Amino acid sequence: MNRHLLVIIPLLFLTIYSCKGEAERAKEQMIEHTISEMKAEADTVLKGNQYKYNVNNTTKTDNSKKGDSIIGVWEVKTQYYMAVYEIVKYKSEYFGKIHYYNDGKTEYKGKNSKDDYFLEDVRYVNGKYTIGKMHMPDGSNYQVKFSLKKDELNILMTVDGHPYKEIWKRKKYKSDETE
């Protein structure tokens, strides 16, 4: 009888481990499918609102306009949410505007109104972006610092006393890639 247990117990563990692997793969496939759907939805929102920027025009700047390189549309994909943001400039300050946001619980499509703005107080001074203020949907505010490296915008903020970093990627359009 003990010999049978020695064979059955490892097979039982192997079966459980195999099922866990299948469940994890199914979960990953579901997440990837959801992300694909959210990207398609974000593209539809952008096309419907005609928020298209020529990346080449926004990145070619003289010394007085180097800070303008962050102007444009940015895609964000983290473990917590997916979004499409736009950074615009008014006078000498940069603002962030939401085009699309989805965290699995809340979905928001920009309405092209003042309610879409979530970022303010960002300026470009002495070759660096100043610390800005990000307004969250729950009413909280965070200080945020930007640094730009090519087509990636690194975002650093402190959330609940801990540093939190995101990477926003510049939205590419087929017409920009062929120019």
C-alpha atoms as a PDB file:
ATOM      1  CA  MET A   1       0.000   0.000   0.000  1.00  0.00           C
ATOM      2  CA  ASN A   2       2.835   2.428   0.803  1.00  0.00           C
ATOM      3  CA  ARG A   3       4.295   1.791  -2.651  1.00  0.00           C
ATOM      4  CA  HIS A   4       1.026   2.926  -4.232  1.00  0.00           C
ATOM      5  CA  LEU A   5       1.093   6.132  -2.199  1.00  0.00           C
ATOM      6  CA  LEU A   6       4.643   6.805  -3.308  1.00  0.00           C
ATOM      7  CA  VAL A   7       3.437   6.721  -6.914  1.00  0.00           C
ATOM      8  CA  ILE A   8       0.065   8.438  -6.411  1.00  0.00           C
ATOM      9  CA  ILE A   9       1.260  11.417  -4.323  1.00  0.00           C
ATOM     10  CA  PRO A  10       3.807  12.684  -6.887  1.00  0.00           C
ATOM     11  CA  LEU A  11       1.239  12.220  -9.652  1.00  0.00           C
ATOM     12  CA  LEU A  12      -1.280  14.186  -7.604  1.00  0.00           C
ATOM     13  CA  PHE A  13       1.202  17.057  -7.129  1.00  0.00           C
ATOM     14  CA  LEU A  14       2.102  16.968 -10.809  1.00  0.00           C
ATOM     15  CA  THR A  15      -1.585  17.185 -11.740  1.00  0.00           C
ATOM     16  CA  ILE A  16      -2.182  20.108  -9.350  1.00  0.00           C
ATOM     17  CA  TYR A  17       0.935  21.908 -10.610  1.00  0.00           C
ATOM     18  CA  SER A  18      -0.135  21.328 -14.224  1.00  0.00           C
ATOM     19  CA  CYS A  19      -3.616  22.736 -13.538  1.00  0.00           C
ATOM     20  CA  LYS A  20      -2.110  25.768 -11.846  1.00  0.00           C
ATOM     21  CA  GLY A  21       0.038  26.375 -14.934  1.00  0.00           C
ATOM     22  CA  GLU A  22      -3.003  26.172 -17.198  1.00  0.00           C
ATOM     23  CA  ALA A  23      -4.891  28.609 -14.982  1.00  0.00           C
ATOM     24  CA  GLU A  24      -1.971  31.054 -15.054  1.00  0.00           C
ATOM     25  CA  ARG A  25      -1.710  30.773 -18.850  1.00  0.00           C
ATOM     26  CA  ALA A  26      -5.462  31.349 -19.193  1.00  0.00           C
ATOM     27  CA  LYS A  27      -5.212  34.394 -16.930  1.00  0.00           C
ATOM     28  CA  GLU A  28      -2.299  35.800 -18.953  1.00  0.00           C
ATOM     29  CA  GLN A  29      -4.218  35.253 -22.203  1.00  0.00           C
ATOM     30  CA  MET A  30      -7.262  37.014 -20.754  1.00  0.00           C
ATOM     31  CA  ILE A  31      -5.113  39.973 -19.659  1.00  0.00           C
ATOM     32  CA  GLU A  32      -3.440  40.215 -23.070  1.00  0.00           C
ATOM     33  CA  HIS A  33      -6.851  40.051 -24.784  1.00  0.00           C
ATOM     34  CA  THR A  34      -8.184  42.809 -22.498  1.00  0.00           C
ATOM     35  CA  ILE A  35      -5.142  44.985 -23.173  1.00  0.00           C
ATOM     36  CA  SER A  36      -5.591  44.501 -26.924  1.00  0.00           C
ATOM     37  CA  GLU A  37      -9.232  45.539 -26.640  1.00  0.00           C
ATOM     38  CA  MET A  38      -8.298  48.599 -24.554  1.00  0.00           C
ATOM     39  CA  LYS A  39      -5.661  49.625 -27.111  1.00  0.00           C
ATOM     40  CA  ALA A  40      -8.188  49.304 -29.910  1.00  0.00           C
ATOM     41  CA  GLU A  41     -10.656  51.384 -27.896  1.00  0.00           C
ATOM     42  CA  ALA A  42      -8.004  54.023 -27.167  1.00  0.00           C
ATOM     43  CA  ASP A  43      -7.139  54.220 -30.886  1.00  0.00           C
ATOM     44  CA  THR A  44     -10.831  54.643 -31.699  1.00  0.00           C
ATOM     45  CA  VAL A  45     -11.164  57.440 -29.130  1.00  0.00           C
ATOM     46  CA  LEU A  46      -8.114  59.211 -30.538  1.00  0.00           C
ATOM     47  CA  LYS A  47      -9.250  58.866 -34.150  1.00  0.00           C
ATOM     48  CA  GLY A  48     -12.778  59.967 -33.282  1.00  0.00           C
ATOM     49  CA  ASN A  49     -11.525  63.097 -31.559  1.00  0.00           C
ATOM     50  CA  GLN A  50      -8.834  63.637 -34.220  1.00  0.00           C
ATOM     51  CA  TYR A  51      -6.051  64.126 -31.665  1.00  0.00           C
ATOM     52  CA  LYS A  52      -3.131  63.518 -33.970  1.00  0.00           C
ATOM     53  CA  TYR A  53       0.213  65.166 -33.635  1.00  0.00           C
ATOM     54  CA  ASN A  54       3.137  64.938 -35.949  1.00  0.00           C
ATOM     55  CA  VAL A  55       5.917  63.670 -33.711  1.00  0.00           C
ATOM     56  CA  ASN A  56       8.550  65.134 -36.026  1.00  0.00           C
ATOM     57  CA  ASN A  57       7.113  68.632 -35.624  1.00  0.00           C
ATOM     58  CA  THR A  58       6.933  68.426 -31.840  1.00  0.00           C
ATOM     59  CA  THR A  59      10.452  67.109 -31.302  1.00  0.00           C
ATOM     60  CA  LYS A  60      12.356  69.454 -33.627  1.00  0.00           C
ATOM     61  CA  THR A  61      12.930  72.456 -31.414  1.00  0.00           C
ATOM     62  CA  ASP A  62      15.479  75.191 -30.997  1.00  0.00           C
ATOM     63  CA  ASN A  63      17.170  75.829 -27.646  1.00  0.00           C
ATOM     64  CA  SER A  64      14.352  78.055 -26.387  1.00  0.00           C
ATOM     65  CA  LYS A  65      11.787  75.326 -27.070  1.00  0.00           C
ATOM     66  CA  LYS A  66      13.580  72.173 -25.865  1.00  0.00           C
ATOM     67  CA  GLY A  67      10.961  71.635 -23.183  1.00  0.00           C
ATOM     68  CA  ASP A  68       8.294  71.356 -25.885  1.00  0.00           C
ATOM     69  CA  SER A  69       9.560  67.855 -26.678  1.00  0.00           C
ATOM     70  CA  ILE A  70       7.062  66.461 -24.172  1.00  0.00           C
ATOM     71  CA  ILE A  71       4.133  67.888 -26.139  1.00  0.00           C
ATOM     72  CA  GLY A  72       2.163  65.081 -27.766  1.00  0.00           C
ATOM     73  CA  VAL A  73       0.111  61.979 -27.088  1.00  0.00           C
ATOM     74  CA  TRP A  74       1.423  59.328 -24.681  1.00  0.00           C
ATOM     75  CA  GLU A  75       0.370  55.727 -24.033  1.00  0.00           C
ATOM     76  CA  VAL A  76       0.617  54.274 -20.544  1.00  0.00           C
ATOM     77  CA  LYS A  77       0.394  50.607 -19.640  1.00  0.00           C
ATOM     78  CA  THR A  78       1.083  49.556 -16.051  1.00  0.00           C
ATOM     79  CA  GLN A  79      -0.004  46.630 -13.928  1.00  0.00           C
ATOM     80  CA  TYR A  80      -2.728  48.908 -12.541  1.00  0.00           C
ATOM     81  CA  TYR A  81      -4.183  50.669 -15.559  1.00  0.00           C
ATOM     82  CA  MET A  82      -3.937  51.657 -19.200  1.00  0.00           C
ATOM     83  CA  ALA A  83      -4.329  55.201 -20.475  1.00  0.00           C
ATOM     84  CA  VAL A  84      -3.757  57.615 -23.307  1.00  0.00           C
ATOM     85  CA  TYR A  85      -2.708  61.093 -22.202  1.00  0.00           C
ATOM     86  CA  GLU A  86      -1.853  64.251 -24.068  1.00  0.00           C
ATOM     87  CA  ILE A  87       0.570  66.907 -22.919  1.00  0.00           C
ATOM     88  CA  VAL A  88      -0.175  70.411 -24.155  1.00  0.00           C
ATOM     89  CA  LYS A  89       1.378  73.799 -23.503  1.00  0.00           C
ATOM     90  CA  TYR A  90      -0.275  77.057 -22.529  1.00  0.00           C
ATOM     91  CA  LYS A  91       2.052  80.040 -22.191  1.00  0.00           C
ATOM     92  CA  SER A  92       5.070  78.581 -20.354  1.00  0.00           C
ATOM     93  CA  GLU A  93       3.279  75.743 -18.522  1.00  0.00           C
ATOM     94  CA  TYR A  94       2.610  72.150 -19.588  1.00  0.00           C
ATOM     95  CA  PHE A  95      -0.690  70.451 -18.815  1.00  0.00           C
ATOM     96  CA  GLY A  96      -1.802  66.826 -19.019  1.00  0.00           C
ATOM     97  CA  LYS A  97      -5.117  65.831 -20.528  1.00  0.00           C
ATOM     98  CA  ILE A  98      -6.855  62.433 -20.410  1.00  0.00           C
ATOM     99  CA  HIS A  99      -8.062  60.914 -23.659  1.00  0.00           C
ATOM    100  CA  TYR A 100      -8.641  57.425 -22.328  1.00  0.00           C
ATOM    101  CA  TYR A 101      -8.272  55.637 -18.978  1.00  0.00           C
ATOM    102  CA  ASN A 102      -9.170  52.098 -17.906  1.00  0.00           C
ATOM    103  CA  ASP A 103      -8.145  50.337 -14.697  1.00  0.00           C
ATOM    104  CA  GLY A 104     -10.513  47.389 -15.079  1.00  0.00           C
ATOM    105  CA  LYS A 105     -13.058  49.011 -12.760  1.00  0.00           C
ATOM    106  CA  THR A 106     -13.315  52.499 -14.183  1.00  0.00           C
ATOM    107  CA  GLU A 107     -13.273  53.453 -17.833  1.00  0.00           C
ATOM    108  CA  TYR A 108     -13.090  57.098 -18.842  1.00  0.00           C
ATOM    109  CA  LYS A 109     -13.125  58.532 -22.340  1.00  0.00           C
ATOM    110  CA  GLY A 110     -12.072  62.161 -22.639  1.00  0.00           C
ATOM    111  CA  LYS A 111     -14.846  64.634 -23.270  1.00  0.00           C
ATOM    112  CA  ASN A 112     -12.587  67.399 -24.589  1.00  0.00           C
ATOM    113  CA  SER A 113     -13.505  69.560 -21.601  1.00  0.00           C
ATOM    114  CA  LYS A 114     -11.695  71.125 -18.657  1.00  0.00           C
ATOM    115  CA  ASP A 115     -12.555  68.017 -16.595  1.00  0.00           C
ATOM    116  CA  ASP A 116     -10.066  66.050 -18.719  1.00  0.00           C
ATOM    117  CA  TYR A 117      -7.059  67.949 -17.322  1.00  0.00           C
ATOM    118  CA  PHE A 118      -5.212  66.100 -14.563  1.00  0.00           C
ATOM    119  CA  LEU A 119      -1.715  67.599 -14.602  1.00  0.00           C
ATOM    120  CA  GLU A 120      -0.513  71.161 -14.030  1.00  0.00           C
ATOM    121  CA  ASP A 121       2.416  73.328 -12.855  1.00  0.00           C
ATOM    122  CA  VAL A 122       5.021  71.671 -15.072  1.00  0.00           C
ATOM    123  CA  ARG A 123       7.575  74.071 -16.550  1.00  0.00           C
ATOM    124  CA  TYR A 124      10.920  73.657 -18.288  1.00  0.00           C
ATOM    125  CA  VAL A 125      13.620  75.566 -16.380  1.00  0.00           C
ATOM    126  CA  ASN A 126      17.406  75.309 -16.732  1.00  0.00           C
ATOM    127  CA  GLY A 127      17.211  72.155 -18.843  1.00  0.00           C
ATOM    128  CA  LYS A 128      14.841  70.257 -16.527  1.00  0.00           C
ATOM    129  CA  TYR A 129      11.129  69.915 -15.958  1.00  0.00           C
ATOM    130  CA  THR A 130       9.876  71.304 -12.667  1.00  0.00           C
ATOM    131  CA  ILE A 131       7.841  69.198 -10.274  1.00  0.00           C
ATOM    132  CA  GLY A 132       4.182  69.334 -11.282  1.00  0.00           C
ATOM    133  CA  LYS A 133       0.941  68.390  -9.609  1.00  0.00           C
ATOM    134  CA  MET A 134      -1.138  65.389 -10.702  1.00  0.00           C
ATOM    135  CA  HIS A 135      -4.807  65.206  -9.702  1.00  0.00           C
ATOM    136  CA  MET A 136      -6.199  61.711  -9.204  1.00  0.00           C
ATOM    137  CA  PRO A 137      -9.851  60.660  -9.707  1.00  0.00           C
ATOM    138  CA  ASP A 138     -10.271  59.986  -5.963  1.00  0.00           C
ATOM    139  CA  GLY A 139      -9.442  63.633  -5.177  1.00  0.00           C
ATOM    140  CA  SER A 140      -5.861  63.066  -4.042  1.00  0.00           C
ATOM    141  CA  ASN A 141      -2.925  65.009  -5.487  1.00  0.00           C
ATOM    142  CA  TYR A 142       0.657  63.942  -6.078  1.00  0.00           C
ATOM    143  CA  GLN A 143       3.820  65.781  -6.955  1.00  0.00           C
ATOM    144  CA  VAL A 144       5.254  64.403 -10.151  1.00  0.00           C
ATOM    145  CA  LYS A 145       8.608  64.775 -11.860  1.00  0.00           C
ATOM    146  CA  PHE A 146       9.238  64.170 -15.561  1.00  0.00           C
ATOM    147  CA  SER A 147      12.351  63.236 -17.460  1.00  0.00           C
ATOM    148  CA  LEU A 148      12.343  62.662 -21.198  1.00  0.00           C
ATOM    149  CA  LYS A 149      14.527  60.173 -23.054  1.00  0.00           C
ATOM    150  CA  LYS A 150      13.726  60.017 -26.761  1.00  0.00           C
ATOM    151  CA  ASP A 151      10.129  58.741 -26.994  1.00  0.00           C
ATOM    152  CA  GLU A 152       9.808  57.684 -23.345  1.00  0.00           C
ATOM    153  CA  LEU A 153       8.637  59.981 -20.597  1.00  0.00           C
ATOM    154  CA  ASN A 154       9.725  58.771 -17.156  1.00  0.00           C
ATOM    155  CA  ILE A 155       7.323  59.746 -14.407  1.00  0.00           C
ATOM    156  CA  LEU A 156       8.399  59.705 -10.776  1.00  0.00           C
ATOM    157  CA  MET A 157       6.031  60.374  -7.872  1.00  0.00           C
ATOM    158  CA  THR A 158       5.560  59.368  -4.273  1.00  0.00           C
ATOM    159  CA  VAL A 159       2.421  57.359  -3.507  1.00  0.00           C
ATOM    160  CA  ASP A 160       1.610  56.490   0.092  1.00  0.00           C
ATOM    161  CA  GLY A 161       5.156  57.370   1.108  1.00  0.00           C
ATOM    162  CA  HIS A 162       6.772  55.109  -1.500  1.00  0.00           C
ATOM    163  CA  PRO A 163       8.418  56.107  -4.780  1.00  0.00           C
ATOM    164  CA  TYR A 164       6.405  55.080  -7.816  1.00  0.00           C
ATOM    165  CA  LYS A 165       7.668  55.180 -11.389  1.00  0.00           C
ATOM    166  CA  GLU A 166       5.825  54.939 -14.692  1.00  0.00           C
ATOM    167  CA  ILE A 167       7.007  55.050 -18.270  1.00  0.00           C
ATOM    168  CA  TRP A 168       4.823  56.780 -20.834  1.00  0.00           C
ATOM    169  CA  LYS A 169       5.536  55.969 -24.480  1.00  0.00           C
ATOM    170  CA  ARG A 170       4.946  58.424 -27.284  1.00  0.00           C
ATOM    171  CA  LYS A 171       1.993  57.433 -29.446  1.00  0.00           C
ATOM    172  CA  LYS A 172       3.215  56.562 -32.929  1.00  0.00           C
ATOM    173  CA  TYR A 173       1.105  56.889 -36.030  1.00  0.00           C
ATOM    174  CA  LYS A 174       1.625  55.057 -39.290  1.00  0.00           C
ATOM    175  CA  SER A 175       1.983  58.329 -41.214  1.00  0.00           C
ATOM    176  CA  ASP A 176       4.760  59.442 -38.795  1.00  0.00           C
ATOM    177  CA  GLU A 177       6.705  56.232 -39.360  1.00  0.00           C
ATOM    178  CA  THR A 178       6.625  56.603 -43.159  1.00  0.00           C
ATOM    179  CA  GLU A 179       7.786  60.232 -43.257  1.00  0.00           C
END
